[in-house]
Amino acid sequence: MHDKGKSVLSFAGYPIFKDESKIILTKDELNFIKDTDKRSHLLDDVTNIRLSTSSNILENIELKRLKDIIWNSFCYYAENVLEVENQFYICTSWSTIQKKGDFHPSHIHPNAIFSTVLYAQAEKGTLSFQVNRSIIQRGFFFEYKVKNYNEFNAQNWQLPVKTGDLVTFPGELRHESLVHECDSDRAIIGASFFIEGNLGQEKRYNTISIKNNREK
């Protein structure tokens, strides 16, 4: 991939797309996210992570610019990384504010085919991906003597992130954010995508139609 600021990591066979957009949120956009954080709920008592009460935060007019940026980045991913012509839509979106010492524990995104994370404010950070078996362990679960870890032999991969980065990956891929070490808050907007439209071929008797019931 030769487009400036865009890169693809094929970790364990998963297509992970990093889009270094260098987008800077306006004061109003950042304040809206911080105000939304006041109406958030606590994920658990261990990590102190709070998620926005709204699961469709990008539907707010105050975040329309960010929704367009996230959508356009995902469309680039579908068209140029996956190279598929299927239709998708944003099925959920949310925000979270992490303070110094907070972290987001290892998790996956059920009911989502792909997910994108926009680092709205992050002096620095790390998004970590994990798999139970590396891609070369799928056929035979050998414990290899690894000389240098790479995307083929590793079971864990750490991706550095900063303000303006968008990272898109399959929703089933386990991931976590490591401990936030900066004094300034880390603000994140997440979005998940699902497929819609007609799939399959009549001549193969495998057609299926998936309808998006969300209002457009």
N, C-alpha and C. Protein backbone atom coordinates (compact mmCIF):
# COMPACT_ATOMS: atom_id res chain seq x y z
N MET A 1 0.85 -1.19 0.00
CA MET A 1 0.00 0.00 0.00
C MET A 1 0.89 1.24 0.00
N HIS A 2 0.67 2.13 -0.99
CA HIS A 2 1.57 3.26 -1.19
C HIS A 2 0.94 4.59 -0.80
N ASP A 3 -0.32 4.61 -0.38
CA ASP A 3 -0.95 5.86 0.01
C ASP A 3 -0.36 6.36 1.32
N LYS A 4 0.05 7.60 1.34
CA LYS A 4 0.74 8.16 2.50
C LYS A 4 -0.12 8.09 3.75
N GLY A 5 0.49 7.62 4.83
CA GLY A 5 -0.20 7.56 6.11
C GLY A 5 -1.09 6.35 6.28
N LYS A 6 -1.16 5.48 5.28
CA LYS A 6 -2.00 4.29 5.36
C LYS A 6 -1.14 3.04 5.28
N SER A 7 -1.39 2.08 6.18
CA SER A 7 -0.60 0.85 6.20
C SER A 7 -1.48 -0.32 6.62
N VAL A 8 -1.07 -1.52 6.21
CA VAL A 8 -1.82 -2.73 6.52
C VAL A 8 -0.91 -3.72 7.22
N LEU A 9 -1.39 -4.26 8.33
CA LEU A 9 -0.69 -5.32 9.05
C LEU A 9 -1.50 -6.60 8.91
N SER A 10 -0.86 -7.68 8.48
CA SER A 10 -1.55 -8.97 8.35
C SER A 10 -1.17 -9.84 9.53
N PHE A 11 -1.63 -9.46 10.71
CA PHE A 11 -1.30 -10.21 11.92
C PHE A 11 -2.17 -11.46 12.01
N ALA A 12 -1.53 -12.64 12.05
CA ALA A 12 -2.23 -13.93 12.16
C ALA A 12 -3.30 -14.09 11.07
N GLY A 13 -3.07 -13.45 9.93
CA GLY A 13 -4.01 -13.53 8.83
C GLY A 13 -5.13 -12.50 8.88
N TYR A 14 -5.20 -11.70 9.95
CA TYR A 14 -6.23 -10.68 10.08
C TYR A 14 -5.78 -9.37 9.43
N PRO A 15 -6.62 -8.76 8.60
CA PRO A 15 -6.26 -7.50 7.97
C PRO A 15 -6.49 -6.31 8.90
N ILE A 16 -5.41 -5.78 9.45
CA ILE A 16 -5.48 -4.63 10.36
C ILE A 16 -5.01 -3.39 9.60
N PHE A 17 -5.86 -2.40 9.53
CA PHE A 17 -5.59 -1.19 8.74
C PHE A 17 -5.38 -0.01 9.66
N LYS A 18 -4.25 0.68 9.49
CA LYS A 18 -3.95 1.88 10.26
C LYS A 18 -3.96 3.08 9.32
N ASP A 19 -4.79 4.05 9.64
CA ASP A 19 -4.96 5.25 8.83
C ASP A 19 -4.52 6.44 9.69
N GLU A 20 -3.32 6.95 9.42
CA GLU A 20 -2.80 8.08 10.20
C GLU A 20 -3.33 9.37 9.59
N SER A 21 -4.56 9.70 9.93
CA SER A 21 -5.25 10.83 9.32
C SER A 21 -4.76 12.18 9.82
N LYS A 22 -4.17 12.18 11.01
CA LYS A 22 -3.69 13.42 11.65
C LYS A 22 -4.83 14.40 11.92
N ILE A 23 -6.04 13.87 12.00
CA ILE A 23 -7.19 14.72 12.29
C ILE A 23 -7.09 15.28 13.72
N ILE A 24 -7.40 16.54 13.87
CA ILE A 24 -7.46 17.18 15.18
C ILE A 24 -8.89 17.59 15.44
N LEU A 25 -9.44 17.16 16.56
CA LEU A 25 -10.82 17.51 16.89
C LEU A 25 -10.93 18.99 17.21
N THR A 26 -12.05 19.57 16.85
CA THR A 26 -12.32 20.96 17.24
C THR A 26 -12.62 20.99 18.74
N LYS A 27 -12.58 22.16 19.30
CA LYS A 27 -12.88 22.32 20.72
C LYS A 27 -14.30 21.85 21.02
N ASP A 28 -15.24 22.17 20.12
CA ASP A 28 -16.64 21.79 20.33
C ASP A 28 -16.81 20.27 20.28
N GLU A 29 -16.11 19.61 19.34
CA GLU A 29 -16.21 18.15 19.22
C GLU A 29 -15.66 17.47 20.46
N LEU A 30 -14.51 17.93 20.92
CA LEU A 30 -13.90 17.33 22.10
C LEU A 30 -14.74 17.58 23.34
N ASN A 31 -15.29 18.77 23.46
CA ASN A 31 -16.15 19.08 24.61
C ASN A 31 -17.41 18.23 24.59
N PHE A 32 -17.95 17.97 23.39
CA PHE A 32 -19.14 17.13 23.28
C PHE A 32 -18.85 15.72 23.79
N ILE A 33 -17.68 15.17 23.42
CA ILE A 33 -17.30 13.83 23.88
C ILE A 33 -17.12 13.83 25.39
N LYS A 34 -16.49 14.87 25.91
CA LYS A 34 -16.27 14.93 27.36
C LYS A 34 -17.59 15.09 28.11
N ASP A 35 -18.52 15.85 27.54
CA ASP A 35 -19.84 15.98 28.15
C ASP A 35 -20.59 14.66 28.11
N THR A 36 -20.44 13.93 27.00
CA THR A 36 -21.06 12.61 26.88
C THR A 36 -20.49 11.67 27.92
N ASP A 37 -19.20 11.81 28.21
CA ASP A 37 -18.55 10.96 29.20
C ASP A 37 -19.20 11.11 30.58
N LYS A 38 -19.76 12.29 30.85
CA LYS A 38 -20.42 12.51 32.13
C LYS A 38 -21.70 11.69 32.24
N ARG A 39 -22.22 11.27 31.08
CA ARG A 39 -23.43 10.44 31.06
C ARG A 39 -23.07 9.00 30.68
N SER A 40 -21.92 8.57 31.12
CA SER A 40 -21.43 7.24 30.79
C SER A 40 -21.72 6.25 31.90
N HIS A 41 -21.43 4.97 31.64
CA HIS A 41 -21.59 3.95 32.66
C HIS A 41 -20.27 3.22 32.86
N LEU A 42 -20.04 2.75 34.06
CA LEU A 42 -18.80 2.08 34.42
C LEU A 42 -18.80 0.66 33.87
N LEU A 43 -17.76 0.31 33.09
CA LEU A 43 -17.66 -1.03 32.51
C LEU A 43 -17.44 -2.07 33.60
N ASP A 44 -16.48 -1.81 34.48
CA ASP A 44 -16.24 -2.69 35.62
C ASP A 44 -15.47 -1.91 36.68
N ASP A 45 -15.25 -2.55 37.85
CA ASP A 45 -14.58 -1.88 38.97
C ASP A 45 -13.07 -2.03 38.95
N VAL A 46 -12.56 -2.81 37.99
CA VAL A 46 -11.11 -3.08 37.96
C VAL A 46 -10.39 -2.05 37.10
N THR A 47 -10.89 -1.84 35.88
CA THR A 47 -10.20 -0.96 34.94
C THR A 47 -10.63 0.49 35.06
N ASN A 48 -11.79 0.75 35.66
CA ASN A 48 -12.34 2.10 35.79
C ASN A 48 -12.72 2.70 34.44
N ILE A 49 -12.91 1.84 33.44
CA ILE A 49 -13.30 2.31 32.11
C ILE A 49 -14.78 2.68 32.10
N ARG A 50 -15.06 3.84 31.52
CA ARG A 50 -16.43 4.29 31.37
C ARG A 50 -16.76 4.41 29.89
N LEU A 51 -17.90 3.83 29.48
CA LEU A 51 -18.35 3.89 28.10
C LEU A 51 -19.56 4.81 28.01
N SER A 52 -19.68 5.51 26.90
CA SER A 52 -20.82 6.41 26.71
C SER A 52 -22.12 5.62 26.82
N THR A 53 -23.12 6.23 27.44
CA THR A 53 -24.42 5.58 27.56
C THR A 53 -25.01 5.31 26.17
N SER A 54 -24.78 6.22 25.25
CA SER A 54 -25.27 6.07 23.87
C SER A 54 -24.44 5.05 23.12
N SER A 55 -25.10 4.16 22.40
CA SER A 55 -24.41 3.20 21.55
C SER A 55 -24.49 3.62 20.08
N ASN A 56 -24.93 4.86 19.86
CA ASN A 56 -25.00 5.43 18.51
C ASN A 56 -24.53 6.88 18.56
N ILE A 57 -23.39 7.10 19.17
CA ILE A 57 -22.93 8.47 19.43
C ILE A 57 -22.67 9.25 18.16
N LEU A 58 -22.31 8.56 17.07
CA LEU A 58 -22.00 9.25 15.82
C LEU A 58 -23.24 9.79 15.12
N GLU A 59 -24.43 9.44 15.62
CA GLU A 59 -25.65 9.97 15.03
C GLU A 59 -25.93 11.39 15.49
N ASN A 60 -25.18 11.89 16.45
CA ASN A 60 -25.34 13.26 16.92
C ASN A 60 -24.76 14.22 15.89
N ILE A 61 -25.48 15.30 15.61
CA ILE A 61 -25.06 16.27 14.60
C ILE A 61 -23.71 16.88 14.96
N GLU A 62 -23.42 16.95 16.27
CA GLU A 62 -22.15 17.54 16.70
C GLU A 62 -20.93 16.73 16.24
N LEU A 63 -21.15 15.46 15.91
CA LEU A 63 -20.04 14.59 15.50
C LEU A 63 -20.14 14.16 14.04
N LYS A 64 -20.94 14.89 13.25
CA LYS A 64 -21.11 14.51 11.84
C LYS A 64 -19.78 14.49 11.08
N ARG A 65 -18.92 15.46 11.33
CA ARG A 65 -17.63 15.50 10.63
C ARG A 65 -16.82 14.26 10.95
N LEU A 66 -16.82 13.85 12.22
CA LEU A 66 -16.06 12.67 12.63
C LEU A 66 -16.67 11.40 12.05
N LYS A 67 -18.01 11.36 11.98
CA LYS A 67 -18.68 10.21 11.39
C LYS A 67 -18.26 10.06 9.92
N ASP A 68 -18.20 11.17 9.21
CA ASP A 68 -17.80 11.13 7.80
C ASP A 68 -16.36 10.65 7.65
N ILE A 69 -15.48 11.10 8.54
CA ILE A 69 -14.07 10.70 8.49
C ILE A 69 -13.94 9.20 8.75
N ILE A 70 -14.64 8.70 9.76
CA ILE A 70 -14.60 7.27 10.09
C ILE A 70 -15.18 6.44 8.95
N TRP A 71 -16.30 6.90 8.39
CA TRP A 71 -16.95 6.17 7.31
C TRP A 71 -16.06 6.12 6.07
N ASN A 72 -15.45 7.25 5.71
CA ASN A 72 -14.59 7.30 4.53
C ASN A 72 -13.35 6.41 4.71
N SER A 73 -12.82 6.38 5.92
CA SER A 73 -11.66 5.52 6.19
C SER A 73 -12.05 4.06 6.07
N PHE A 74 -13.24 3.70 6.58
CA PHE A 74 -13.69 2.32 6.46
C PHE A 74 -13.94 1.94 5.00
N CYS A 75 -14.52 2.85 4.23
CA CYS A 75 -14.77 2.57 2.80
C CYS A 75 -13.45 2.32 2.08
N TYR A 76 -12.42 3.07 2.43
CA TYR A 76 -11.10 2.84 1.83
C TYR A 76 -10.61 1.43 2.18
N TYR A 77 -10.82 1.04 3.42
CA TYR A 77 -10.43 -0.30 3.90
C TYR A 77 -11.16 -1.38 3.10
N ALA A 78 -12.47 -1.22 2.94
CA ALA A 78 -13.25 -2.23 2.21
C ALA A 78 -12.86 -2.30 0.74
N GLU A 79 -12.62 -1.15 0.14
CA GLU A 79 -12.36 -1.10 -1.29
C GLU A 79 -10.91 -1.43 -1.66
N ASN A 80 -9.96 -1.00 -0.83
CA ASN A 80 -8.55 -1.11 -1.20
C ASN A 80 -7.76 -2.15 -0.42
N VAL A 81 -8.25 -2.54 0.76
CA VAL A 81 -7.57 -3.57 1.54
C VAL A 81 -8.28 -4.91 1.35
N LEU A 82 -9.58 -4.94 1.67
CA LEU A 82 -10.36 -6.16 1.48
C LEU A 82 -10.67 -6.39 0.01
N GLU A 83 -10.84 -5.30 -0.73
CA GLU A 83 -11.20 -5.33 -2.15
C GLU A 83 -12.49 -6.11 -2.39
N VAL A 84 -13.52 -5.71 -1.66
CA VAL A 84 -14.85 -6.29 -1.83
C VAL A 84 -15.82 -5.17 -2.19
N GLU A 85 -16.92 -5.53 -2.86
CA GLU A 85 -17.90 -4.55 -3.31
C GLU A 85 -19.18 -4.58 -2.48
N ASN A 86 -19.20 -5.36 -1.42
CA ASN A 86 -20.40 -5.47 -0.59
C ASN A 86 -20.69 -4.16 0.12
N GLN A 87 -21.94 -4.02 0.54
CA GLN A 87 -22.37 -2.82 1.26
C GLN A 87 -22.30 -3.07 2.76
N PHE A 88 -21.90 -2.04 3.49
CA PHE A 88 -21.82 -2.11 4.94
C PHE A 88 -22.49 -0.87 5.53
N TYR A 89 -22.71 -0.90 6.83
CA TYR A 89 -23.24 0.27 7.52
C TYR A 89 -22.71 0.29 8.95
N ILE A 90 -22.73 1.46 9.56
CA ILE A 90 -22.31 1.59 10.96
C ILE A 90 -23.45 1.09 11.83
N CYS A 91 -23.21 0.02 12.58
CA CYS A 91 -24.29 -0.54 13.41
C CYS A 91 -24.25 -0.02 14.85
N THR A 92 -23.08 0.31 15.36
CA THR A 92 -22.97 0.89 16.70
C THR A 92 -21.80 1.87 16.73
N SER A 93 -21.84 2.81 17.65
CA SER A 93 -20.72 3.74 17.85
C SER A 93 -20.78 4.25 19.29
N TRP A 94 -19.63 4.53 19.85
CA TRP A 94 -19.54 4.88 21.27
C TRP A 94 -18.28 5.69 21.51
N SER A 95 -18.11 6.19 22.73
CA SER A 95 -16.89 6.91 23.10
C SER A 95 -16.48 6.50 24.51
N THR A 96 -15.23 6.75 24.80
CA THR A 96 -14.72 6.49 26.14
C THR A 96 -13.59 7.45 26.45
N ILE A 97 -13.49 7.85 27.70
CA ILE A 97 -12.40 8.69 28.18
C ILE A 97 -11.58 7.87 29.17
N GLN A 98 -10.27 7.80 28.94
CA GLN A 98 -9.38 7.07 29.83
C GLN A 98 -8.43 8.05 30.51
N LYS A 99 -8.38 7.96 31.82
CA LYS A 99 -7.47 8.81 32.58
C LYS A 99 -6.19 8.03 32.90
N LYS A 100 -5.22 8.72 33.42
CA LYS A 100 -3.94 8.09 33.72
C LYS A 100 -4.15 6.87 34.62
N GLY A 101 -3.59 5.74 34.21
CA GLY A 101 -3.73 4.50 34.97
C GLY A 101 -4.84 3.60 34.48
N ASP A 102 -5.75 4.14 33.63
CA ASP A 102 -6.84 3.33 33.09
C ASP A 102 -6.35 2.45 31.95
N PHE A 103 -7.07 1.37 31.71
CA PHE A 103 -6.80 0.53 30.55
C PHE A 103 -8.09 -0.18 30.17
N HIS A 104 -8.16 -0.62 28.91
CA HIS A 104 -9.35 -1.34 28.44
C HIS A 104 -8.97 -2.80 28.31
N PRO A 105 -9.58 -3.69 29.08
CA PRO A 105 -9.17 -5.10 29.11
C PRO A 105 -9.42 -5.82 27.79
N SER A 106 -8.80 -6.96 27.63
CA SER A 106 -8.91 -7.76 26.42
C SER A 106 -10.37 -8.13 26.14
N HIS A 107 -10.81 -7.91 24.90
CA HIS A 107 -12.20 -8.18 24.54
C HIS A 107 -12.32 -8.31 23.03
N ILE A 108 -13.49 -8.76 22.59
CA ILE A 108 -13.84 -8.80 21.18
C ILE A 108 -15.15 -8.04 21.01
N HIS A 109 -15.60 -7.84 19.76
CA HIS A 109 -16.83 -7.12 19.49
C HIS A 109 -17.86 -8.06 18.87
N PRO A 110 -18.73 -8.66 19.68
CA PRO A 110 -19.78 -9.54 19.14
C PRO A 110 -20.73 -8.75 18.24
N ASN A 111 -21.35 -9.45 17.32
CA ASN A 111 -22.37 -8.85 16.45
C ASN A 111 -21.82 -7.73 15.56
N ALA A 112 -20.51 -7.77 15.31
CA ALA A 112 -19.89 -6.80 14.41
C ALA A 112 -18.92 -7.54 13.51
N ILE A 113 -18.91 -7.17 12.24
CA ILE A 113 -17.97 -7.81 11.32
C ILE A 113 -16.63 -7.10 11.35
N PHE A 114 -16.67 -5.76 11.36
CA PHE A 114 -15.45 -4.97 11.46
C PHE A 114 -15.65 -3.85 12.47
N SER A 115 -14.56 -3.36 13.01
CA SER A 115 -14.62 -2.25 13.96
C SER A 115 -13.50 -1.25 13.67
N THR A 116 -13.78 0.01 13.97
CA THR A 116 -12.80 1.08 13.82
C THR A 116 -12.68 1.83 15.13
N VAL A 117 -11.45 2.20 15.47
CA VAL A 117 -11.19 3.03 16.64
C VAL A 117 -10.52 4.32 16.17
N LEU A 118 -11.10 5.45 16.52
CA LEU A 118 -10.50 6.75 16.24
C LEU A 118 -9.92 7.29 17.55
N TYR A 119 -8.63 7.57 17.53
CA TYR A 119 -7.98 8.15 18.70
C TYR A 119 -8.14 9.66 18.62
N ALA A 120 -9.22 10.14 19.24
CA ALA A 120 -9.57 11.55 19.18
C ALA A 120 -8.58 12.41 19.96
N GLN A 121 -8.08 11.87 21.05
CA GLN A 121 -7.05 12.56 21.85
C GLN A 121 -6.19 11.49 22.51
N ALA A 122 -4.95 11.41 22.10
CA ALA A 122 -4.05 10.40 22.66
C ALA A 122 -2.61 10.83 22.41
N GLU A 123 -1.99 11.34 23.45
CA GLU A 123 -0.59 11.75 23.33
C GLU A 123 0.26 10.59 22.84
N LYS A 124 -0.02 9.43 23.38
CA LYS A 124 0.57 8.19 22.89
C LYS A 124 -0.23 7.04 23.47
N GLY A 125 -0.07 5.86 22.90
CA GLY A 125 -0.80 4.71 23.40
C GLY A 125 -0.44 3.47 22.62
N THR A 126 -1.00 2.33 23.05
CA THR A 126 -0.74 1.06 22.39
C THR A 126 -2.02 0.25 22.32
N LEU A 127 -2.34 -0.21 21.12
CA LEU A 127 -3.46 -1.12 20.91
C LEU A 127 -2.86 -2.51 20.70
N SER A 128 -3.22 -3.43 21.56
CA SER A 128 -2.62 -4.77 21.54
C SER A 128 -3.63 -5.79 21.02
N PHE A 129 -3.19 -6.63 20.09
CA PHE A 129 -4.02 -7.69 19.53
C PHE A 129 -3.49 -9.05 19.99
N GLN A 130 -4.42 -10.01 20.22
CA GLN A 130 -4.01 -11.33 20.68
C GLN A 130 -4.78 -12.43 19.95
N VAL A 131 -4.09 -13.55 19.71
CA VAL A 131 -4.73 -14.76 19.18
C VAL A 131 -4.23 -15.95 19.99
N ASN A 132 -5.02 -17.01 20.05
CA ASN A 132 -4.61 -18.21 20.79
C ASN A 132 -3.49 -18.96 20.07
N ARG A 133 -3.54 -18.91 18.73
CA ARG A 133 -2.51 -19.57 17.93
C ARG A 133 -2.04 -18.62 16.84
N SER A 134 -0.74 -18.60 16.60
CA SER A 134 -0.23 -17.82 15.47
C SER A 134 -0.71 -18.49 14.18
N ILE A 135 -0.55 -17.80 13.07
CA ILE A 135 -1.04 -18.34 11.81
C ILE A 135 -0.32 -19.64 11.44
N ILE A 136 0.95 -19.80 11.83
CA ILE A 136 1.68 -21.03 11.49
C ILE A 136 1.39 -22.15 12.48
N GLN A 137 0.57 -21.87 13.51
CA GLN A 137 0.18 -22.91 14.46
C GLN A 137 -1.23 -23.42 14.20
N ARG A 138 -1.88 -22.92 13.15
CA ARG A 138 -3.28 -23.29 12.89
C ARG A 138 -3.41 -24.76 12.51
N GLY A 139 -2.52 -25.26 11.68
CA GLY A 139 -2.61 -26.65 11.25
C GLY A 139 -2.12 -27.61 12.33
N PHE A 140 -0.91 -27.37 12.84
CA PHE A 140 -0.32 -28.15 13.92
C PHE A 140 0.12 -27.18 15.01
N PHE A 141 -0.34 -27.44 16.22
CA PHE A 141 -0.09 -26.51 17.32
C PHE A 141 1.30 -26.78 17.92
N PHE A 142 2.33 -26.51 17.13
CA PHE A 142 3.69 -26.67 17.62
C PHE A 142 4.13 -25.41 18.38
N GLU A 143 5.01 -25.61 19.34
CA GLU A 143 5.63 -24.47 20.02
C GLU A 143 6.99 -24.23 19.35
N TYR A 144 7.00 -23.27 18.44
CA TYR A 144 8.21 -23.02 17.67
C TYR A 144 9.25 -22.25 18.48
N LYS A 145 10.51 -22.42 18.13
CA LYS A 145 11.60 -21.64 18.70
C LYS A 145 11.74 -20.39 17.84
N VAL A 146 11.16 -19.29 18.31
CA VAL A 146 11.08 -18.08 17.51
C VAL A 146 12.37 -17.28 17.61
N LYS A 147 12.93 -16.95 16.46
CA LYS A 147 14.16 -16.14 16.40
C LYS A 147 13.81 -14.65 16.51
N ASN A 148 12.87 -14.21 15.68
CA ASN A 148 12.37 -12.84 15.72
C ASN A 148 10.86 -12.89 15.53
N TYR A 149 10.14 -12.22 16.41
CA TYR A 149 8.69 -12.24 16.31
C TYR A 149 8.23 -11.41 15.11
N ASN A 150 7.29 -11.99 14.35
CA ASN A 150 6.68 -11.28 13.23
C ASN A 150 5.21 -11.64 13.17
N GLU A 151 4.50 -11.11 12.17
CA GLU A 151 3.06 -11.31 12.10
C GLU A 151 2.64 -12.74 11.81
N PHE A 152 3.59 -13.60 11.42
CA PHE A 152 3.28 -15.00 11.12
C PHE A 152 3.48 -15.92 12.34
N ASN A 153 4.44 -15.61 13.20
CA ASN A 153 4.73 -16.51 14.32
C ASN A 153 4.28 -15.97 15.67
N ALA A 154 3.81 -14.71 15.73
CA ALA A 154 3.45 -14.10 17.01
C ALA A 154 2.00 -14.39 17.40
N GLN A 155 1.75 -14.44 18.69
CA GLN A 155 0.39 -14.57 19.22
C GLN A 155 -0.10 -13.26 19.81
N ASN A 156 0.77 -12.27 19.82
CA ASN A 156 0.44 -10.95 20.36
C ASN A 156 1.15 -9.90 19.52
N TRP A 157 0.46 -8.83 19.22
CA TRP A 157 1.07 -7.77 18.44
C TRP A 157 0.65 -6.41 18.99
N GLN A 158 1.62 -5.53 19.22
CA GLN A 158 1.33 -4.22 19.78
C GLN A 158 1.51 -3.14 18.72
N LEU A 159 0.46 -2.35 18.56
CA LEU A 159 0.43 -1.31 17.54
C LEU A 159 0.43 0.06 18.23
N PRO A 160 1.48 0.87 18.03
CA PRO A 160 1.51 2.21 18.64
C PRO A 160 0.48 3.12 17.98
N VAL A 161 -0.18 3.94 18.78
CA VAL A 161 -1.21 4.85 18.25
C VAL A 161 -1.04 6.23 18.87
N LYS A 162 -1.63 7.21 18.20
CA LYS A 162 -1.56 8.59 18.69
C LYS A 162 -2.78 9.35 18.16
N THR A 163 -2.90 10.60 18.56
CA THR A 163 -4.03 11.43 18.15
C THR A 163 -4.18 11.44 16.63
N GLY A 164 -5.38 11.21 16.16
CA GLY A 164 -5.68 11.25 14.74
C GLY A 164 -5.63 9.91 14.04
N ASP A 165 -5.10 8.89 14.72
CA ASP A 165 -5.02 7.57 14.09
C ASP A 165 -6.39 6.88 14.09
N LEU A 166 -6.69 6.19 12.99
CA LEU A 166 -7.84 5.30 12.91
C LEU A 166 -7.32 3.90 12.65
N VAL A 167 -7.81 2.94 13.43
CA VAL A 167 -7.41 1.54 13.26
C VAL A 167 -8.66 0.72 13.02
N THR A 168 -8.67 -0.04 11.91
CA THR A 168 -9.82 -0.87 11.54
C THR A 168 -9.39 -2.33 11.49
N PHE A 169 -10.23 -3.22 12.02
CA PHE A 169 -9.88 -4.63 12.12
C PHE A 169 -11.15 -5.46 12.26
N PRO A 170 -11.07 -6.78 12.00
CA PRO A 170 -12.24 -7.65 12.19
C PRO A 170 -12.70 -7.63 13.65
N GLY A 171 -14.02 -7.57 13.85
CA GLY A 171 -14.56 -7.47 15.20
C GLY A 171 -14.26 -8.67 16.08
N GLU A 172 -13.99 -9.84 15.47
CA GLU A 172 -13.74 -11.05 16.25
C GLU A 172 -12.31 -11.11 16.79
N LEU A 173 -11.45 -10.19 16.35
CA LEU A 173 -10.06 -10.20 16.78
C LEU A 173 -9.94 -9.62 18.19
N ARG A 174 -9.40 -10.41 19.10
CA ARG A 174 -9.26 -9.98 20.49
C ARG A 174 -8.24 -8.84 20.59
N HIS A 175 -8.56 -7.83 21.39
CA HIS A 175 -7.69 -6.67 21.51
C HIS A 175 -7.88 -5.99 22.85
N GLU A 176 -6.95 -5.13 23.19
CA GLU A 176 -7.02 -4.37 24.43
C GLU A 176 -6.16 -3.12 24.30
N SER A 177 -6.46 -2.11 25.12
CA SER A 177 -5.58 -0.95 25.20
C SER A 177 -4.76 -1.08 26.48
N LEU A 178 -3.46 -0.83 26.35
CA LEU A 178 -2.58 -0.94 27.51
C LEU A 178 -2.77 0.26 28.44
N VAL A 179 -2.18 0.20 29.61
CA VAL A 179 -2.36 1.24 30.64
C VAL A 179 -2.01 2.62 30.08
N HIS A 180 -2.91 3.56 30.31
CA HIS A 180 -2.70 4.94 29.86
C HIS A 180 -1.74 5.62 30.84
N GLU A 181 -0.60 6.05 30.34
CA GLU A 181 0.46 6.56 31.20
C GLU A 181 0.60 8.07 31.19
N CYS A 182 -0.17 8.75 30.36
CA CYS A 182 -0.03 10.20 30.24
C CYS A 182 -0.95 10.93 31.23
N ASP A 183 -0.58 12.17 31.56
CA ASP A 183 -1.40 12.97 32.47
C ASP A 183 -2.67 13.45 31.80
N SER A 184 -2.61 13.75 30.51
CA SER A 184 -3.80 14.19 29.77
C SER A 184 -4.69 12.98 29.47
N ASP A 185 -6.00 13.22 29.40
CA ASP A 185 -6.95 12.13 29.13
C ASP A 185 -6.76 11.58 27.73
N ARG A 186 -7.13 10.30 27.56
CA ARG A 186 -7.16 9.68 26.24
C ARG A 186 -8.63 9.51 25.84
N ALA A 187 -9.00 10.13 24.72
CA ALA A 187 -10.39 10.08 24.24
C ALA A 187 -10.46 9.23 22.99
N ILE A 188 -11.40 8.30 22.97
CA ILE A 188 -11.53 7.35 21.87
C ILE A 188 -12.98 7.31 21.39
N ILE A 189 -13.15 7.23 20.08
CA ILE A 189 -14.47 6.97 19.49
C ILE A 189 -14.39 5.65 18.75
N GLY A 190 -15.30 4.75 19.05
CA GLY A 190 -15.34 3.45 18.40
C GLY A 190 -16.57 3.31 17.53
N ALA A 191 -16.44 2.53 16.46
CA ALA A 191 -17.59 2.26 15.58
C ALA A 191 -17.48 0.84 15.05
N SER A 192 -18.60 0.15 14.96
CA SER A 192 -18.63 -1.20 14.40
C SER A 192 -19.50 -1.22 13.16
N PHE A 193 -19.19 -2.17 12.27
CA PHE A 193 -19.85 -2.23 10.97
C PHE A 193 -20.43 -3.62 10.73
N PHE A 194 -21.56 -3.63 10.03
CA PHE A 194 -22.18 -4.89 9.64
C PHE A 194 -22.52 -4.82 8.16
N ILE A 195 -22.73 -5.98 7.57
CA ILE A 195 -22.98 -6.06 6.13
C ILE A 195 -24.48 -5.95 5.84
N GLU A 196 -24.83 -5.49 4.64
CA GLU A 196 -26.22 -5.43 4.22
C GLU A 196 -26.30 -5.71 2.72
N GLY A 197 -27.52 -6.00 2.25
CA GLY A 197 -27.71 -6.23 0.83
C GLY A 197 -27.78 -7.70 0.47
N ASN A 198 -27.63 -7.99 -0.81
CA ASN A 198 -27.74 -9.35 -1.32
C ASN A 198 -26.37 -10.01 -1.43
N LEU A 199 -26.28 -11.26 -0.96
CA LEU A 199 -25.04 -12.02 -1.03
C LEU A 199 -25.31 -13.36 -1.70
N GLY A 200 -24.28 -13.93 -2.29
CA GLY A 200 -24.41 -15.24 -2.92
C GLY A 200 -24.79 -15.15 -4.39
N GLN A 201 -24.96 -16.33 -4.99
CA GLN A 201 -25.29 -16.43 -6.41
C GLN A 201 -26.44 -17.42 -6.60
N GLU A 202 -27.37 -17.03 -7.46
CA GLU A 202 -28.53 -17.88 -7.73
C GLU A 202 -28.11 -19.25 -8.25
N LYS A 203 -27.12 -19.27 -9.15
CA LYS A 203 -26.72 -20.54 -9.77
C LYS A 203 -26.05 -21.48 -8.77
N ARG A 204 -25.65 -20.96 -7.64
CA ARG A 204 -25.05 -21.81 -6.60
C ARG A 204 -26.02 -22.06 -5.45
N TYR A 205 -27.24 -21.52 -5.59
CA TYR A 205 -28.30 -21.74 -4.58
C TYR A 205 -27.86 -21.33 -3.17
N ASN A 206 -27.14 -20.20 -3.08
CA ASN A 206 -26.69 -19.77 -1.77
C ASN A 206 -26.98 -18.29 -1.53
N THR A 207 -28.03 -17.78 -2.18
CA THR A 207 -28.34 -16.36 -2.03
C THR A 207 -28.97 -16.08 -0.67
N ILE A 208 -28.67 -14.90 -0.17
CA ILE A 208 -29.25 -14.44 1.09
C ILE A 208 -29.31 -12.93 1.03
N SER A 209 -30.35 -12.37 1.63
CA SER A 209 -30.52 -10.93 1.67
C SER A 209 -30.50 -10.47 3.13
N ILE A 210 -29.62 -9.55 3.45
CA ILE A 210 -29.51 -9.02 4.81
C ILE A 210 -29.97 -7.57 4.79
N LYS A 211 -31.00 -7.28 5.55
CA LYS A 211 -31.59 -5.95 5.53
C LYS A 211 -31.13 -5.14 6.74
N ASN A 212 -30.79 -3.91 6.48
CA ASN A 212 -30.46 -2.97 7.54
C ASN A 212 -31.74 -2.32 8.04
N ASN A 213 -32.12 -2.63 9.26
CA ASN A 213 -33.37 -2.11 9.81
C ASN A 213 -33.22 -0.76 10.49
N ARG A 214 -31.98 -0.24 10.51
CA ARG A 214 -31.78 1.08 11.12
C ARG A 214 -32.32 2.15 10.18
N GLU A 215 -32.82 3.21 10.78
CA GLU A 215 -33.31 4.32 9.97
C GLU A 215 -32.13 5.02 9.31
N LYS A 216 -32.28 5.40 8.05
CA LYS A 216 -31.23 6.09 7.33
C LYS A 216 -31.59 7.55 7.15
